[in-house]
Protein backbone atom coordinates (compact mmCIF):
# COMPACT_ATOMS: atom_id res chain seq x y z
CA MET A 1 -10.32 -14.91 -35.29
CA GLN A 2 -7.66 -14.56 -32.60
CA ARG A 3 -7.68 -17.28 -29.98
CA ASP A 4 -7.90 -16.06 -26.41
CA MET A 5 -4.69 -16.75 -24.56
CA PRO A 6 -4.59 -17.36 -20.81
CA ASN A 7 -3.13 -14.63 -18.68
CA PRO A 8 0.61 -15.25 -18.24
CA SER A 9 2.51 -15.80 -15.04
CA VAL A 10 4.56 -12.82 -13.90
CA PHE A 11 7.71 -13.25 -11.84
CA PHE A 12 9.43 -10.55 -9.78
CA VAL A 13 13.03 -11.65 -9.25
CA SER A 14 15.41 -9.76 -7.00
CA ASP A 15 18.56 -10.13 -4.92
CA GLY A 16 16.72 -8.16 -2.22
CA THR A 17 13.13 -8.28 -1.02
CA GLY A 18 11.70 -7.93 -4.52
CA ILE A 19 9.41 -5.10 -3.45
CA THR A 20 10.96 -2.66 -5.92
CA ALA A 21 10.57 -5.07 -8.83
CA GLU A 22 7.02 -5.85 -7.76
CA THR A 23 6.04 -2.20 -7.35
CA PHE A 24 7.44 -1.19 -10.74
CA GLY A 25 6.07 -4.29 -12.41
CA ASN A 26 2.57 -3.90 -11.04
CA ALA A 27 2.49 -0.24 -12.06
CA ILE A 28 3.24 -1.29 -15.63
CA LEU A 29 0.85 -4.26 -15.59
CA ALA A 30 -1.95 -1.95 -14.45
CA GLN A 31 -1.93 -0.47 -17.94
CA PHE A 32 -3.20 -3.75 -19.39
CA ASP A 33 -6.42 -5.69 -18.92
CA VAL A 34 -4.69 -8.81 -17.61
CA HIS A 35 -4.96 -10.79 -14.41
CA PRO A 36 -1.71 -12.72 -14.19
CA HIS A 37 -0.54 -15.15 -11.56
CA ARG A 38 2.14 -13.18 -9.71
CA VAL A 39 5.18 -14.80 -8.08
CA ARG A 40 7.79 -12.87 -6.11
CA LEU A 41 11.21 -14.56 -5.85
CA PRO A 42 13.26 -12.56 -3.32
CA PHE A 43 16.91 -12.93 -2.23
CA VAL A 44 18.09 -14.55 -5.47
CA ASP A 45 21.70 -13.61 -4.70
CA THR A 46 23.64 -16.72 -5.76
CA VAL A 47 24.01 -18.63 -9.01
CA ASP A 48 22.42 -21.69 -7.40
CA LYS A 49 19.34 -19.71 -6.39
CA ALA A 50 19.23 -18.21 -9.87
CA HIS A 51 19.14 -21.67 -11.45
CA ARG A 52 16.25 -22.65 -9.14
CA ALA A 53 14.40 -19.48 -10.13
CA VAL A 54 14.92 -20.29 -13.80
CA GLU A 55 13.49 -23.77 -13.22
CA ARG A 56 10.28 -22.24 -11.87
CA ILE A 57 10.05 -19.75 -14.72
CA ASN A 58 10.67 -22.40 -17.37
CA HIS A 59 8.14 -24.73 -15.71
CA ALA A 60 5.51 -21.99 -15.98
CA ALA A 61 6.44 -21.43 -19.63
CA ARG A 62 5.95 -25.13 -20.43
CA ASN A 63 2.64 -25.37 -18.57
CA GLU A 64 1.19 -22.20 -20.05
CA GLY A 65 2.61 -22.51 -23.56
CA ARG A 66 3.87 -18.95 -23.55
CA PRO A 67 6.78 -17.02 -22.01
CA PRO A 68 6.12 -15.66 -18.51
CA ILE A 69 6.90 -12.00 -17.83
CA VAL A 70 9.97 -11.60 -15.60
CA PHE A 71 10.69 -8.27 -13.89
CA ILE A 72 14.16 -8.25 -12.33
CA THR A 73 16.26 -6.07 -10.05
CA LEU A 74 19.60 -7.87 -9.92
CA VAL A 75 23.13 -6.56 -9.38
CA ASN A 76 25.36 -9.65 -9.51
CA ALA A 77 26.47 -10.19 -13.10
CA ASP A 78 26.66 -14.00 -12.76
CA VAL A 79 23.16 -14.21 -11.30
CA LEU A 80 21.86 -11.83 -13.98
CA HIS A 81 23.41 -13.98 -16.72
CA VAL A 82 21.62 -17.11 -15.45
CA ILE A 83 18.23 -15.38 -15.20
CA ARG A 84 18.56 -13.95 -18.71
CA GLU A 85 18.76 -17.52 -20.03
CA CYS A 86 15.24 -18.34 -18.83
CA SER A 87 12.27 -18.87 -21.13
CA GLY A 88 10.52 -15.70 -20.01
CA LEU A 89 10.37 -12.14 -21.29
CA VAL A 90 12.97 -10.53 -19.01
CA LEU A 91 12.51 -6.84 -18.17
CA ASP A 92 15.56 -5.55 -16.33
CA MET A 93 14.56 -2.59 -14.16
CA PHE A 94 18.17 -1.71 -13.29
CA THR A 95 19.38 -1.67 -16.90
CA THR A 96 16.36 0.39 -17.90
CA PHE A 97 16.94 3.06 -15.28
CA ILE A 98 20.45 2.86 -13.82
CA GLU A 99 22.47 2.96 -17.04
CA PRO A 100 20.73 6.14 -18.33
CA LEU A 101 21.17 7.69 -14.86
CA GLU A 102 24.89 6.84 -14.87
CA THR A 103 25.12 8.81 -18.09
CA ALA A 104 23.04 11.68 -16.71
CA PHE A 105 25.03 11.93 -13.44
CA GLY A 106 28.34 11.25 -15.09
CA ILE A 107 29.24 8.62 -12.47
CA LYS A 108 28.93 4.89 -12.02
CA SER A 109 26.33 3.47 -9.63
CA ASN A 110 27.43 1.63 -6.49
CA HIS A 111 25.86 -1.65 -7.63
CA ARG A 112 25.21 -2.62 -4.03
CA ILE A 113 22.74 -5.30 -3.03
CA GLY A 114 19.97 -4.52 -0.58
CA GLN A 115 21.71 -2.08 1.79
CA PHE A 116 19.35 -3.27 4.55
CA SER A 117 21.75 -2.43 7.38
CA GLU A 118 22.02 1.15 6.14
CA VAL A 119 18.25 1.44 5.89
CA THR A 120 17.59 0.12 9.39
CA SER A 121 20.07 2.54 10.94
CA SER A 122 18.63 5.62 9.22
CA SER A 123 16.50 8.19 11.02
CA ARG A 124 13.78 7.75 8.38
CA TYR A 125 13.53 4.05 9.24
CA ALA A 126 13.34 4.87 12.96
CA ASP A 127 10.54 7.35 12.24
CA ARG A 128 8.60 4.64 10.41
CA MET A 129 8.96 2.14 13.26
CA ASP A 130 7.85 4.75 15.78
CA ALA A 131 4.88 5.68 13.59
CA ILE A 132 3.82 2.03 13.23
CA ASN A 133 3.82 1.57 17.01
CA PHE A 134 1.82 4.78 17.37
CA ALA A 135 -0.76 3.64 14.78
CA LEU A 136 -1.20 0.27 16.50
CA MET A 137 -1.62 1.86 19.93
CA HIS A 138 -4.18 4.35 18.60
CA ASP A 139 -6.16 2.05 16.32
CA ASP A 140 -9.95 2.27 16.43
CA GLY A 141 -9.95 4.66 19.39
CA GLN A 142 -8.16 2.19 21.69
CA SER A 143 -6.26 4.99 23.39
CA SER A 144 -6.63 8.74 23.69
CA ARG A 145 -3.18 9.18 25.24
CA ASN A 146 -0.64 11.29 23.38
CA LEU A 147 -3.06 12.26 20.60
CA ALA A 148 -1.24 15.60 20.61
CA LEU A 149 1.68 13.73 19.00
CA ALA A 150 -0.45 12.57 16.08
CA ASP A 151 0.18 14.02 12.63
CA VAL A 152 -3.35 13.08 11.61
CA ILE A 153 -6.40 11.48 13.23
CA LEU A 154 -8.67 9.65 10.83
CA VAL A 155 -12.37 9.55 11.66
CA GLY A 156 -15.29 7.77 10.06
CA VAL A 157 -17.78 4.95 10.52
CA SER A 158 -16.58 1.44 11.27
CA ARG A 159 -14.98 -0.33 8.25
CA SER A 160 -14.55 2.80 6.15
CA GLY A 161 -10.81 2.17 5.69
CA LYS A 162 -9.31 4.00 8.66
CA THR A 163 -7.03 1.23 9.96
CA PRO A 164 -5.34 0.24 6.68
CA THR A 165 -4.85 3.90 5.78
CA SER A 166 -3.31 4.62 9.20
CA LEU A 167 -0.90 1.71 8.89
CA TYR A 168 0.04 2.60 5.32
CA LEU A 169 0.81 6.19 6.33
CA ALA A 170 2.98 4.88 9.16
CA MET A 171 4.77 2.14 7.25
CA GLN A 172 5.43 4.05 4.05
CA HIS A 173 5.78 7.63 5.22
CA GLY A 174 6.54 7.62 8.94
CA VAL A 175 3.35 9.56 9.69
CA ARG A 176 1.86 9.16 13.18
CA ALA A 177 -1.73 8.37 12.29
CA ALA A 178 -4.40 7.60 14.88
CA ASN A 179 -7.93 6.60 13.95
CA TYR A 180 -11.17 6.98 15.82
CA PRO A 181 -14.62 5.58 14.96
CA LEU A 182 -17.72 7.72 14.67
CA ILE A 183 -20.58 5.82 16.34
CA PRO A 184 -24.36 6.27 16.78
CA GLU A 185 -23.86 8.00 20.13
CA ASP A 186 -21.85 10.72 18.39
CA PHE A 187 -24.62 11.14 15.83
CA SER A 188 -27.27 11.42 18.56
CA ARG A 189 -25.29 14.23 20.20
CA MET A 190 -24.20 15.56 16.79
CA SER A 191 -20.81 16.28 18.27
CA LEU A 192 -17.33 14.82 18.15
CA PRO A 193 -16.07 12.42 20.82
CA SER A 194 -14.66 14.59 23.61
CA ALA A 195 -11.16 13.15 23.19
CA LEU A 196 -11.00 14.56 19.65
CA VAL A 197 -12.20 18.09 20.32
CA PRO A 198 -8.75 19.50 21.30
CA HIS A 199 -7.26 18.06 18.11
CA ARG A 200 -9.85 19.26 15.62
CA THR A 201 -7.23 20.63 13.20
CA LYS A 202 -5.66 17.18 12.86
CA LEU A 203 -8.87 15.40 11.92
CA PHE A 204 -9.42 13.93 8.48
CA GLY A 205 -12.56 12.00 7.60
CA LEU A 206 -13.14 8.89 5.52
CA SER A 207 -16.57 8.09 4.13
CA ILE A 208 -17.76 5.23 1.93
CA ALA A 209 -20.75 4.32 -0.22
CA PRO A 210 -23.38 2.57 1.94
CA GLU A 211 -23.64 -0.36 -0.50
CA ARG A 212 -19.90 -0.98 -0.30
CA LEU A 213 -19.93 -0.59 3.48
CA SER A 214 -22.75 -3.11 3.79
CA ALA A 215 -20.83 -5.62 1.68
CA ILE A 216 -17.69 -5.23 3.79
CA ARG A 217 -19.57 -5.51 7.07
CA THR A 218 -21.53 -8.53 5.83
CA GLU A 219 -18.26 -10.43 5.43
CA ARG A 220 -17.59 -9.81 9.10
CA LYS A 221 -21.09 -10.07 10.61
CA PRO A 222 -23.54 -11.53 8.09
CA GLY A 223 -27.23 -11.00 8.80
CA SER A 224 -26.62 -8.35 11.48
CA ASN A 225 -28.19 -4.92 11.78
CA TYR A 226 -24.62 -3.62 11.81
CA ALA A 227 -24.22 -4.84 8.21
CA SER A 228 -27.72 -4.10 6.94
CA LEU A 229 -27.98 -1.62 4.10
CA PRO A 230 -30.54 0.66 5.84
CA ASN A 231 -28.25 0.94 8.86
CA CYS A 232 -25.23 1.64 6.66
CA VAL A 233 -27.16 4.31 4.74
CA GLU A 234 -28.08 6.01 8.01
CA GLU A 235 -24.60 5.82 9.55
CA VAL A 236 -22.85 7.17 6.46
CA ALA A 237 -25.33 10.04 6.12
CA GLU A 238 -25.00 10.96 9.79
CA ALA A 239 -21.20 10.74 9.71
CA GLU A 240 -20.98 13.00 6.67
CA ARG A 241 -23.41 15.46 8.27
CA LEU A 242 -21.28 15.54 11.44
CA MET A 243 -18.07 16.06 9.47
CA ARG A 244 -19.61 18.91 7.49
CA ARG A 245 -20.89 20.50 10.69
CA GLU A 246 -17.46 20.27 12.32
CA GLY A 247 -15.61 21.51 9.24
CA ILE A 248 -13.63 18.26 8.85
CA ARG A 249 -12.01 17.58 5.50
CA TRP A 250 -13.03 14.18 4.18
CA LEU A 251 -13.11 11.98 1.12
CA SER A 252 -14.83 8.78 0.04
CA SER A 253 -12.75 5.62 0.12
CA THR A 254 -15.22 3.74 -2.11
CA HIS A 255 -13.27 3.87 -5.35
CA LYS A 256 -9.85 4.96 -4.09
CA SER A 257 -6.85 2.81 -3.27
CA ILE A 258 -5.04 3.11 0.05
CA GLU A 259 -2.18 4.75 -1.84
CA GLU A 260 -4.48 7.40 -3.32
CA ILE A 261 -6.12 8.13 0.03
CA ALA A 262 -2.76 8.39 1.80
CA THR A 263 -1.31 10.69 -0.87
CA THR A 264 -4.33 13.00 -0.67
CA ILE A 265 -3.94 13.19 3.12
CA LEU A 266 -0.19 13.84 2.85
CA GLN A 267 -0.73 16.67 0.37
CA LEU A 268 -3.02 18.35 2.88
CA ILE A 269 -1.38 17.67 6.23
CA ARG A 270 2.26 16.69 5.67
CA PRO A 271 3.42 17.72 2.19
CA ASP A 272 6.99 17.57 3.53
CA ARG A 273 6.67 13.77 3.60
CA LEU A 274 6.38 13.78 -0.19
CA GLU A 275 9.90 15.23 -0.35
CA TYR A 276 12.98 13.41 0.90
């Protein structure tokens, strides 16, 4: 009988922020029923830092009795050599992808680290910063000013996922996303808030299973009517009825990640943002 092994530590090592290594690594890890301890080690851009990273990886290997998984995105050959000597299973994202692409394109890659200054001076980066400011100013119906500039206005009951989706759309795709709550007064009138009526074509709704909504609200206001299951059942039903009446496209956030919700919205309202 095979002995159960503890879930391994997973390290994401990079000479930049480590977000690329982490994103790729997590996408691969999602294919396995494991729950590892994840450690991101960013800005490992010198041999000295590489040796310190190796110490952490080797320490985890000794404690756990098995090699950690190490996803890397490293350019410097000296740093890469040090990391490869660690006690972990090293998966080099650059070697896996860049070398075949060099062959396909018939040219050598630039092998540049980070390129943060180029990113921050790009128009795409400026769009993202502008969109983040817009999302923060128009969170939870705080302001109705300049809604005409919005790419999308998310609507739904409180705690249905509007704010994180708005911020994700802004941060990742430069989409100006406002969000506006649907409240009992709207259900009593069975009409949209007046500020949203001129922008009906930009509305996109988020719904959620009442049981999930109750659990989320209970974390914030335990024992309140706001969080009670009967109230959540009523609010969700009324919100969905209002969205159907107004012809608003909507989806349930119950079993969808922020990434899935955002991609669905982009496909419908800004498919150009999926091409760049």
